[in-house]
Amino acid sequence: MRTAVVPGSFDPVTLGHLDVVRRALAVADEVVVAVGRNAGKSPLLTADERRDLITSAVADIPGVRAEIMPGLLVDFCRDLAHASGGDVVIVKGLRGGGDLDAEAPMAAMNRHLSGVETVFLVGAGHLNHISSSMVRDVARHGGPIDDLVPAGAADLVRARLHPGGTT
């Protein structure tokens, strides 16, 4: 059995993320969306909220689940491999060359630390303009984000950015 780990901060999860998650099933029997806690970032949404939004968004996709990743990605992958007795591969989506420039050194370090390989999926062209940071920025300025994120995410982002309902 092969497990694909799709890691990220998912703050918030976007339709681009979900596209990568669905397509990761082409290279694995199951997909675990690993919600990270990056000490260098101050997330808008809690890890539990991010995990719950993903869980809701993938509820209709067999073989996909979301978990909070407490530490290093390679440790998370090692624990999954040990628990399942199968192989683990990291799957990351790329929107363009800038993403590859950022992701390639991380993939090399993950392979160095654990032997776990990273598979890159080229993002769907119609979703390449979507990123969590852009979604937050548009929402922060009162712009529409409902068509960029799964159901429930837009309302939670707006509520967090604009307590009391003001935009």
N, C-alpha and C. Protein backbone atom coordinates (compact mmCIF):
# COMPACT_ATOMS: atom_id res chain seq x y z
N MET A 1 0.85 -1.17 0.00
CA MET A 1 0.00 0.00 0.00
C MET A 1 0.89 1.24 0.00
N ARG A 2 0.54 2.21 -0.82
CA ARG A 2 1.28 3.47 -0.89
C ARG A 2 0.39 4.59 -0.38
N THR A 3 0.97 5.41 0.49
CA THR A 3 0.27 6.57 1.02
C THR A 3 0.94 7.83 0.50
N ALA A 4 0.14 8.74 -0.02
CA ALA A 4 0.64 10.06 -0.43
C ALA A 4 0.34 11.03 0.69
N VAL A 5 1.34 11.79 1.08
CA VAL A 5 1.17 12.84 2.07
C VAL A 5 1.21 14.16 1.33
N VAL A 6 0.13 14.92 1.45
CA VAL A 6 0.05 16.25 0.85
C VAL A 6 0.15 17.25 1.99
N PRO A 7 1.34 17.80 2.20
CA PRO A 7 1.54 18.71 3.34
C PRO A 7 1.29 20.16 2.98
N GLY A 8 0.98 20.94 3.99
CA GLY A 8 0.82 22.38 3.78
C GLY A 8 0.26 23.04 5.01
N SER A 9 0.18 24.35 4.95
CA SER A 9 -0.44 25.08 6.06
C SER A 9 -1.94 25.21 5.84
N PHE A 10 -2.37 25.28 4.59
CA PHE A 10 -3.80 25.30 4.25
C PHE A 10 -4.56 26.36 5.04
N ASP A 11 -4.06 27.59 4.97
CA ASP A 11 -4.60 28.68 5.79
C ASP A 11 -5.18 29.80 4.93
N PRO A 12 -6.31 29.58 4.29
CA PRO A 12 -7.21 28.41 4.32
C PRO A 12 -6.92 27.46 3.16
N VAL A 13 -7.57 26.28 3.22
CA VAL A 13 -7.51 25.34 2.10
C VAL A 13 -8.20 26.00 0.91
N THR A 14 -7.64 25.77 -0.29
CA THR A 14 -8.19 26.37 -1.50
C THR A 14 -8.60 25.29 -2.49
N LEU A 15 -9.27 25.70 -3.54
CA LEU A 15 -9.64 24.75 -4.59
C LEU A 15 -8.39 24.19 -5.28
N GLY A 16 -7.32 24.97 -5.34
CA GLY A 16 -6.06 24.47 -5.89
C GLY A 16 -5.50 23.34 -5.04
N HIS A 17 -5.54 23.49 -3.73
CA HIS A 17 -5.09 22.42 -2.83
C HIS A 17 -5.91 21.15 -3.08
N LEU A 18 -7.22 21.32 -3.16
CA LEU A 18 -8.10 20.15 -3.31
C LEU A 18 -7.87 19.45 -4.65
N ASP A 19 -7.52 20.21 -5.68
CA ASP A 19 -7.18 19.60 -6.96
C ASP A 19 -5.97 18.69 -6.81
N VAL A 20 -4.95 19.15 -6.12
CA VAL A 20 -3.74 18.33 -5.90
C VAL A 20 -4.09 17.10 -5.07
N VAL A 21 -4.91 17.27 -4.05
CA VAL A 21 -5.30 16.13 -3.20
C VAL A 21 -6.00 15.06 -4.03
N ARG A 22 -6.95 15.45 -4.86
CA ARG A 22 -7.66 14.48 -5.71
C ARG A 22 -6.70 13.77 -6.66
N ARG A 23 -5.83 14.53 -7.27
CA ARG A 23 -4.91 13.97 -8.25
C ARG A 23 -3.84 13.11 -7.62
N ALA A 24 -3.56 13.32 -6.33
CA ALA A 24 -2.57 12.50 -5.63
C ALA A 24 -3.02 11.04 -5.57
N LEU A 25 -4.32 10.80 -5.67
CA LEU A 25 -4.82 9.41 -5.67
C LEU A 25 -4.35 8.64 -6.90
N ALA A 26 -3.84 9.32 -7.91
CA ALA A 26 -3.30 8.65 -9.09
C ALA A 26 -1.96 7.98 -8.79
N VAL A 27 -1.28 8.41 -7.74
CA VAL A 27 0.02 7.83 -7.41
C VAL A 27 0.02 7.08 -6.08
N ALA A 28 -1.14 6.99 -5.44
CA ALA A 28 -1.20 6.33 -4.13
C ALA A 28 -2.57 5.71 -3.89
N ASP A 29 -2.59 4.79 -2.96
CA ASP A 29 -3.84 4.13 -2.58
C ASP A 29 -4.65 4.98 -1.61
N GLU A 30 -3.95 5.78 -0.83
CA GLU A 30 -4.62 6.68 0.10
C GLU A 30 -3.85 7.98 0.17
N VAL A 31 -4.55 9.04 0.57
CA VAL A 31 -3.94 10.36 0.69
C VAL A 31 -4.21 10.89 2.09
N VAL A 32 -3.15 11.36 2.72
CA VAL A 32 -3.26 12.03 4.01
C VAL A 32 -2.86 13.48 3.80
N VAL A 33 -3.80 14.38 4.04
CA VAL A 33 -3.52 15.81 3.97
C VAL A 33 -2.96 16.19 5.34
N ALA A 34 -1.69 16.59 5.35
CA ALA A 34 -0.99 16.89 6.59
C ALA A 34 -0.99 18.38 6.85
N VAL A 35 -1.77 18.80 7.82
CA VAL A 35 -1.89 20.21 8.17
C VAL A 35 -0.74 20.57 9.10
N GLY A 36 0.15 21.44 8.61
CA GLY A 36 1.34 21.78 9.36
C GLY A 36 1.16 22.96 10.29
N ARG A 37 2.03 22.97 11.26
CA ARG A 37 2.13 24.10 12.19
C ARG A 37 3.51 24.70 11.97
N ASN A 38 3.57 25.82 11.31
CA ASN A 38 4.83 26.48 11.00
C ASN A 38 5.10 27.55 12.04
N ALA A 39 6.15 27.35 12.82
CA ALA A 39 6.47 28.29 13.90
C ALA A 39 6.80 29.68 13.36
N GLY A 40 7.17 29.75 12.08
CA GLY A 40 7.51 31.02 11.48
C GLY A 40 6.32 31.80 10.95
N LYS A 41 5.14 31.23 11.06
CA LYS A 41 3.93 31.88 10.55
C LYS A 41 2.93 32.08 11.68
N SER A 42 2.10 33.10 11.54
CA SER A 42 0.99 33.32 12.45
C SER A 42 -0.29 33.04 11.66
N PRO A 43 -0.81 31.84 11.75
CA PRO A 43 -1.96 31.49 10.91
C PRO A 43 -3.23 32.24 11.31
N LEU A 44 -4.07 32.45 10.31
CA LEU A 44 -5.38 33.07 10.54
C LEU A 44 -6.29 32.07 11.24
N LEU A 45 -6.26 30.82 10.78
CA LEU A 45 -7.13 29.77 11.32
C LEU A 45 -6.31 28.81 12.17
N THR A 46 -6.94 28.23 13.18
CA THR A 46 -6.24 27.26 14.01
C THR A 46 -6.01 25.98 13.22
N ALA A 47 -5.08 25.17 13.69
CA ALA A 47 -4.81 23.88 13.04
C ALA A 47 -6.06 23.01 13.02
N ASP A 48 -6.82 23.02 14.10
CA ASP A 48 -8.05 22.23 14.15
C ASP A 48 -9.07 22.73 13.13
N GLU A 49 -9.19 24.05 12.99
CA GLU A 49 -10.12 24.60 11.99
C GLU A 49 -9.70 24.22 10.58
N ARG A 50 -8.40 24.31 10.31
CA ARG A 50 -7.90 23.96 8.98
C ARG A 50 -8.13 22.49 8.68
N ARG A 51 -7.84 21.62 9.66
CA ARG A 51 -8.08 20.19 9.49
C ARG A 51 -9.57 19.92 9.25
N ASP A 52 -10.43 20.56 10.02
CA ASP A 52 -11.87 20.33 9.90
C ASP A 52 -12.40 20.80 8.55
N LEU A 53 -11.91 21.94 8.05
CA LEU A 53 -12.33 22.41 6.72
C LEU A 53 -11.94 21.41 5.64
N ILE A 54 -10.73 20.88 5.75
CA ILE A 54 -10.27 19.89 4.76
C ILE A 54 -11.09 18.61 4.88
N THR A 55 -11.31 18.15 6.09
CA THR A 55 -12.11 16.94 6.30
C THR A 55 -13.48 17.07 5.66
N SER A 56 -14.10 18.20 5.84
CA SER A 56 -15.41 18.45 5.23
C SER A 56 -15.30 18.47 3.70
N ALA A 57 -14.26 19.11 3.18
CA ALA A 57 -14.11 19.26 1.73
C ALA A 57 -13.80 17.94 1.03
N VAL A 58 -13.18 16.99 1.73
CA VAL A 58 -12.80 15.71 1.10
C VAL A 58 -13.71 14.56 1.52
N ALA A 59 -14.79 14.87 2.21
CA ALA A 59 -15.68 13.83 2.74
C ALA A 59 -16.20 12.90 1.67
N ASP A 60 -16.34 13.40 0.44
CA ASP A 60 -16.88 12.57 -0.64
C ASP A 60 -15.79 11.90 -1.47
N ILE A 61 -14.53 11.98 -1.04
CA ILE A 61 -13.42 11.37 -1.78
C ILE A 61 -12.89 10.18 -0.97
N PRO A 62 -13.21 8.96 -1.39
CA PRO A 62 -12.73 7.79 -0.66
C PRO A 62 -11.21 7.74 -0.63
N GLY A 63 -10.66 7.35 0.51
CA GLY A 63 -9.23 7.19 0.64
C GLY A 63 -8.47 8.45 0.98
N VAL A 64 -9.18 9.51 1.36
CA VAL A 64 -8.52 10.77 1.71
C VAL A 64 -8.94 11.17 3.11
N ARG A 65 -7.96 11.57 3.92
CA ARG A 65 -8.25 12.08 5.26
C ARG A 65 -7.27 13.20 5.59
N ALA A 66 -7.61 13.98 6.59
CA ALA A 66 -6.75 15.08 7.02
C ALA A 66 -6.31 14.84 8.45
N GLU A 67 -5.05 15.16 8.72
CA GLU A 67 -4.48 15.05 10.06
C GLU A 67 -3.61 16.25 10.34
N ILE A 68 -3.47 16.59 11.60
CA ILE A 68 -2.54 17.64 11.99
C ILE A 68 -1.16 17.03 12.13
N MET A 69 -0.19 17.69 11.53
CA MET A 69 1.20 17.23 11.56
C MET A 69 1.91 18.00 12.67
N PRO A 70 2.28 17.33 13.76
CA PRO A 70 2.81 18.05 14.92
C PRO A 70 4.25 18.55 14.78
N GLY A 71 5.02 17.97 13.89
CA GLY A 71 6.43 18.34 13.81
C GLY A 71 6.95 18.29 12.39
N LEU A 72 8.11 17.68 12.23
CA LEU A 72 8.73 17.57 10.93
C LEU A 72 7.94 16.66 9.99
N LEU A 73 7.87 17.05 8.74
CA LEU A 73 7.19 16.25 7.73
C LEU A 73 7.79 14.86 7.62
N VAL A 74 9.11 14.75 7.68
CA VAL A 74 9.73 13.43 7.53
C VAL A 74 9.38 12.51 8.70
N ASP A 75 9.24 13.06 9.89
CA ASP A 75 8.82 12.24 11.04
C ASP A 75 7.38 11.79 10.87
N PHE A 76 6.54 12.67 10.38
CA PHE A 76 5.14 12.33 10.11
C PHE A 76 5.08 11.20 9.09
N CYS A 77 5.87 11.31 8.02
CA CYS A 77 5.89 10.27 6.98
C CYS A 77 6.42 8.95 7.53
N ARG A 78 7.46 9.01 8.33
CA ARG A 78 8.04 7.80 8.92
C ARG A 78 7.00 7.10 9.81
N ASP A 79 6.28 7.87 10.61
CA ASP A 79 5.25 7.29 11.48
C ASP A 79 4.13 6.66 10.66
N LEU A 80 3.73 7.32 9.57
CA LEU A 80 2.69 6.75 8.69
C LEU A 80 3.15 5.45 8.07
N ALA A 81 4.38 5.43 7.58
CA ALA A 81 4.92 4.22 6.95
C ALA A 81 4.97 3.08 7.95
N HIS A 82 5.39 3.38 9.16
CA HIS A 82 5.47 2.36 10.21
C HIS A 82 4.08 1.83 10.55
N ALA A 83 3.11 2.72 10.68
CA ALA A 83 1.74 2.33 11.06
C ALA A 83 1.07 1.51 9.96
N SER A 84 1.31 1.86 8.70
CA SER A 84 0.62 1.19 7.60
C SER A 84 1.40 0.01 7.05
N GLY A 85 2.69 -0.01 7.31
CA GLY A 85 3.53 -1.06 6.73
C GLY A 85 3.76 -0.87 5.24
N GLY A 86 3.42 0.30 4.73
CA GLY A 86 3.57 0.55 3.30
C GLY A 86 4.53 1.68 3.01
N ASP A 87 4.58 2.05 1.75
CA ASP A 87 5.44 3.13 1.30
C ASP A 87 4.71 4.47 1.43
N VAL A 88 5.51 5.51 1.62
CA VAL A 88 4.97 6.86 1.71
C VAL A 88 5.71 7.73 0.70
N VAL A 89 4.96 8.58 0.04
CA VAL A 89 5.52 9.55 -0.89
C VAL A 89 4.89 10.91 -0.57
N ILE A 90 5.69 11.95 -0.68
CA ILE A 90 5.18 13.31 -0.48
C ILE A 90 4.71 13.82 -1.84
N VAL A 91 3.55 14.46 -1.87
CA VAL A 91 3.02 15.03 -3.11
C VAL A 91 2.82 16.52 -2.90
N LYS A 92 3.41 17.31 -3.80
CA LYS A 92 3.29 18.76 -3.74
C LYS A 92 2.81 19.27 -5.09
N GLY A 93 1.99 20.30 -5.06
CA GLY A 93 1.54 20.94 -6.28
C GLY A 93 2.44 22.11 -6.63
N LEU A 94 2.65 22.32 -7.92
CA LEU A 94 3.45 23.43 -8.41
C LEU A 94 2.62 24.31 -9.33
N ARG A 95 2.58 25.61 -9.04
CA ARG A 95 1.87 26.55 -9.90
C ARG A 95 2.78 27.14 -10.96
N GLY A 96 4.08 27.12 -10.71
CA GLY A 96 5.02 27.70 -11.66
C GLY A 96 6.44 27.50 -11.19
N GLY A 97 7.37 28.15 -11.90
CA GLY A 97 8.78 27.99 -11.61
C GLY A 97 9.18 28.45 -10.22
N GLY A 98 8.53 29.48 -9.72
CA GLY A 98 8.83 29.96 -8.37
C GLY A 98 8.55 28.90 -7.32
N ASP A 99 7.44 28.17 -7.51
CA ASP A 99 7.12 27.09 -6.57
C ASP A 99 8.20 26.00 -6.63
N LEU A 100 8.65 25.67 -7.84
CA LEU A 100 9.69 24.64 -7.97
C LEU A 100 10.97 25.11 -7.29
N ASP A 101 11.33 26.36 -7.47
CA ASP A 101 12.54 26.89 -6.83
C ASP A 101 12.45 26.77 -5.31
N ALA A 102 11.28 26.98 -4.75
CA ALA A 102 11.10 26.89 -3.29
C ALA A 102 11.00 25.45 -2.82
N GLU A 103 10.36 24.60 -3.61
CA GLU A 103 10.08 23.23 -3.18
C GLU A 103 11.23 22.25 -3.40
N ALA A 104 12.06 22.46 -4.42
CA ALA A 104 13.12 21.50 -4.74
C ALA A 104 14.11 21.31 -3.58
N PRO A 105 14.58 22.39 -2.95
CA PRO A 105 15.49 22.17 -1.82
C PRO A 105 14.83 21.43 -0.65
N MET A 106 13.53 21.69 -0.42
CA MET A 106 12.83 20.98 0.65
C MET A 106 12.72 19.50 0.31
N ALA A 107 12.42 19.19 -0.96
CA ALA A 107 12.32 17.79 -1.39
C ALA A 107 13.67 17.09 -1.20
N ALA A 108 14.74 17.78 -1.56
CA ALA A 108 16.08 17.19 -1.40
C ALA A 108 16.40 16.95 0.07
N MET A 109 16.04 17.90 0.93
CA MET A 109 16.30 17.73 2.37
C MET A 109 15.46 16.59 2.94
N ASN A 110 14.20 16.51 2.54
CA ASN A 110 13.34 15.42 3.03
C ASN A 110 13.89 14.06 2.60
N ARG A 111 14.37 13.96 1.36
CA ARG A 111 14.97 12.71 0.88
C ARG A 111 16.24 12.42 1.66
N HIS A 112 17.06 13.44 1.91
CA HIS A 112 18.31 13.28 2.67
C HIS A 112 18.03 12.77 4.08
N LEU A 113 17.03 13.35 4.73
CA LEU A 113 16.74 13.00 6.12
C LEU A 113 16.07 11.66 6.29
N SER A 114 15.28 11.25 5.28
CA SER A 114 14.44 10.07 5.50
C SER A 114 14.37 9.10 4.34
N GLY A 115 14.83 9.49 3.17
CA GLY A 115 14.69 8.64 1.99
C GLY A 115 13.34 8.76 1.32
N VAL A 116 12.44 9.58 1.89
CA VAL A 116 11.11 9.74 1.31
C VAL A 116 11.21 10.63 0.07
N GLU A 117 10.63 10.17 -1.02
CA GLU A 117 10.65 10.92 -2.28
C GLU A 117 9.47 11.90 -2.34
N THR A 118 9.65 12.95 -3.12
CA THR A 118 8.60 13.92 -3.36
C THR A 118 8.21 13.86 -4.82
N VAL A 119 6.90 13.82 -5.08
CA VAL A 119 6.36 13.86 -6.42
C VAL A 119 5.70 15.22 -6.60
N PHE A 120 6.03 15.88 -7.71
CA PHE A 120 5.44 17.18 -8.00
C PHE A 120 4.35 17.04 -9.05
N LEU A 121 3.20 17.63 -8.78
CA LEU A 121 2.09 17.67 -9.73
C LEU A 121 1.94 19.11 -10.22
N VAL A 122 1.90 19.27 -11.52
CA VAL A 122 1.71 20.60 -12.08
C VAL A 122 0.27 21.02 -11.84
N GLY A 123 0.11 22.20 -11.30
CA GLY A 123 -1.22 22.70 -10.97
C GLY A 123 -2.09 22.86 -12.19
N ALA A 124 -3.38 22.73 -11.97
CA ALA A 124 -4.35 22.95 -13.04
C ALA A 124 -4.33 24.43 -13.40
N GLY A 125 -4.18 24.73 -14.69
CA GLY A 125 -4.03 26.11 -15.15
C GLY A 125 -5.08 27.06 -14.65
N HIS A 126 -6.33 26.61 -14.60
CA HIS A 126 -7.41 27.51 -14.19
C HIS A 126 -7.42 27.80 -12.69
N LEU A 127 -6.53 27.12 -11.95
CA LEU A 127 -6.45 27.34 -10.50
C LEU A 127 -5.11 27.94 -10.06
N ASN A 128 -4.19 28.12 -10.99
CA ASN A 128 -2.83 28.54 -10.64
C ASN A 128 -2.74 29.92 -10.00
N HIS A 129 -3.74 30.73 -10.16
CA HIS A 129 -3.71 32.07 -9.56
C HIS A 129 -4.14 32.08 -8.09
N ILE A 130 -4.56 30.92 -7.59
CA ILE A 130 -5.09 30.85 -6.22
C ILE A 130 -4.00 30.43 -5.24
N SER A 131 -3.85 31.19 -4.19
CA SER A 131 -2.99 30.82 -3.08
C SER A 131 -3.69 31.24 -1.79
N SER A 132 -3.37 30.58 -0.71
CA SER A 132 -3.97 30.94 0.57
C SER A 132 -3.71 32.38 0.94
N SER A 133 -2.49 32.85 0.70
CA SER A 133 -2.16 34.23 1.06
C SER A 133 -2.97 35.22 0.23
N MET A 134 -3.19 34.91 -1.06
CA MET A 134 -3.99 35.82 -1.88
C MET A 134 -5.45 35.79 -1.45
N VAL A 135 -5.94 34.61 -1.08
CA VAL A 135 -7.32 34.50 -0.59
C VAL A 135 -7.49 35.36 0.66
N ARG A 136 -6.55 35.26 1.59
CA ARG A 136 -6.63 36.07 2.82
C ARG A 136 -6.58 37.56 2.48
N ASP A 137 -5.72 37.94 1.55
CA ASP A 137 -5.59 39.35 1.19
C ASP A 137 -6.87 39.89 0.55
N VAL A 138 -7.44 39.12 -0.37
CA VAL A 138 -8.70 39.55 -1.01
C VAL A 138 -9.79 39.68 0.05
N ALA A 139 -9.89 38.68 0.93
CA ALA A 139 -10.91 38.71 1.98
C ALA A 139 -10.68 39.86 2.95
N ARG A 140 -9.42 40.14 3.25
CA ARG A 140 -9.09 41.23 4.18
C ARG A 140 -9.62 42.57 3.66
N HIS A 141 -9.67 42.70 2.34
CA HIS A 141 -10.14 43.93 1.72
C HIS A 141 -11.60 43.85 1.27
N GLY A 142 -12.32 42.82 1.73
CA GLY A 142 -13.74 42.71 1.46
C GLY A 142 -14.11 42.13 0.11
N GLY A 143 -13.13 41.58 -0.60
CA GLY A 143 -13.40 41.00 -1.91
C GLY A 143 -14.00 39.61 -1.82
N PRO A 144 -14.55 39.12 -2.94
CA PRO A 144 -15.20 37.81 -2.96
C PRO A 144 -14.18 36.67 -3.03
N ILE A 145 -14.36 35.66 -2.17
CA ILE A 145 -13.46 34.51 -2.17
C ILE A 145 -14.20 33.19 -2.27
N ASP A 146 -15.53 33.23 -2.33
CA ASP A 146 -16.32 32.00 -2.30
C ASP A 146 -15.98 31.02 -3.42
N ASP A 147 -15.54 31.53 -4.58
CA ASP A 147 -15.22 30.66 -5.70
C ASP A 147 -13.75 30.22 -5.70
N LEU A 148 -13.03 30.51 -4.62
CA LEU A 148 -11.62 30.15 -4.50
C LEU A 148 -11.36 29.07 -3.45
N VAL A 149 -12.35 28.86 -2.58
CA VAL A 149 -12.21 27.94 -1.45
C VAL A 149 -13.43 27.03 -1.36
N PRO A 150 -13.30 25.89 -0.66
CA PRO A 150 -14.47 25.01 -0.51
C PRO A 150 -15.53 25.60 0.41
N ALA A 151 -16.70 25.02 0.39
CA ALA A 151 -17.82 25.47 1.22
C ALA A 151 -17.39 25.58 2.68
N GLY A 152 -17.81 26.65 3.31
CA GLY A 152 -17.52 26.88 4.72
C GLY A 152 -16.26 27.67 4.98
N ALA A 153 -15.29 27.56 4.09
CA ALA A 153 -14.02 28.24 4.32
C ALA A 153 -14.15 29.75 4.21
N ALA A 154 -14.89 30.22 3.21
CA ALA A 154 -15.01 31.67 3.01
C ALA A 154 -15.66 32.34 4.22
N ASP A 155 -16.71 31.74 4.73
CA ASP A 155 -17.39 32.33 5.89
C ASP A 155 -16.47 32.37 7.12
N LEU A 156 -15.70 31.31 7.33
CA LEU A 156 -14.79 31.27 8.48
C LEU A 156 -13.69 32.31 8.33
N VAL A 157 -13.14 32.44 7.13
CA VAL A 157 -12.09 33.44 6.89
C VAL A 157 -12.64 34.85 7.13
N ARG A 158 -13.81 35.12 6.56
CA ARG A 158 -14.41 36.46 6.75
C ARG A 158 -14.69 36.74 8.22
N ALA A 159 -15.21 35.74 8.93
CA ALA A 159 -15.52 35.92 10.35
C ALA A 159 -14.25 36.20 11.16
N ARG A 160 -13.18 35.55 10.79
CA ARG A 160 -11.92 35.76 11.52
C ARG A 160 -11.32 37.13 11.21
N LEU A 161 -11.41 37.54 9.95
CA LEU A 161 -10.82 38.82 9.55
C LEU A 161 -11.66 40.01 9.94
N HIS A 162 -12.99 39.80 9.99
CA HIS A 162 -13.92 40.90 10.24
C HIS A 162 -14.91 40.52 11.34
N PRO A 163 -14.43 40.39 12.57
CA PRO A 163 -15.34 40.02 13.68
C PRO A 163 -16.48 41.04 13.75
N GLY A 164 -17.66 40.54 13.94
CA GLY A 164 -18.82 41.43 14.00
C GLY A 164 -19.45 41.68 12.65
N GLY A 165 -18.87 41.12 11.58
CA GLY A 165 -19.48 41.19 10.27
C GLY A 165 -19.16 42.40 9.44
N THR A 166 -18.24 43.23 9.85
CA THR A 166 -17.89 44.40 9.03
C THR A 166 -16.77 44.04 8.07
N THR A 167 -16.78 44.65 6.89
CA THR A 167 -15.70 44.42 5.92
C THR A 167 -15.01 45.70 5.57
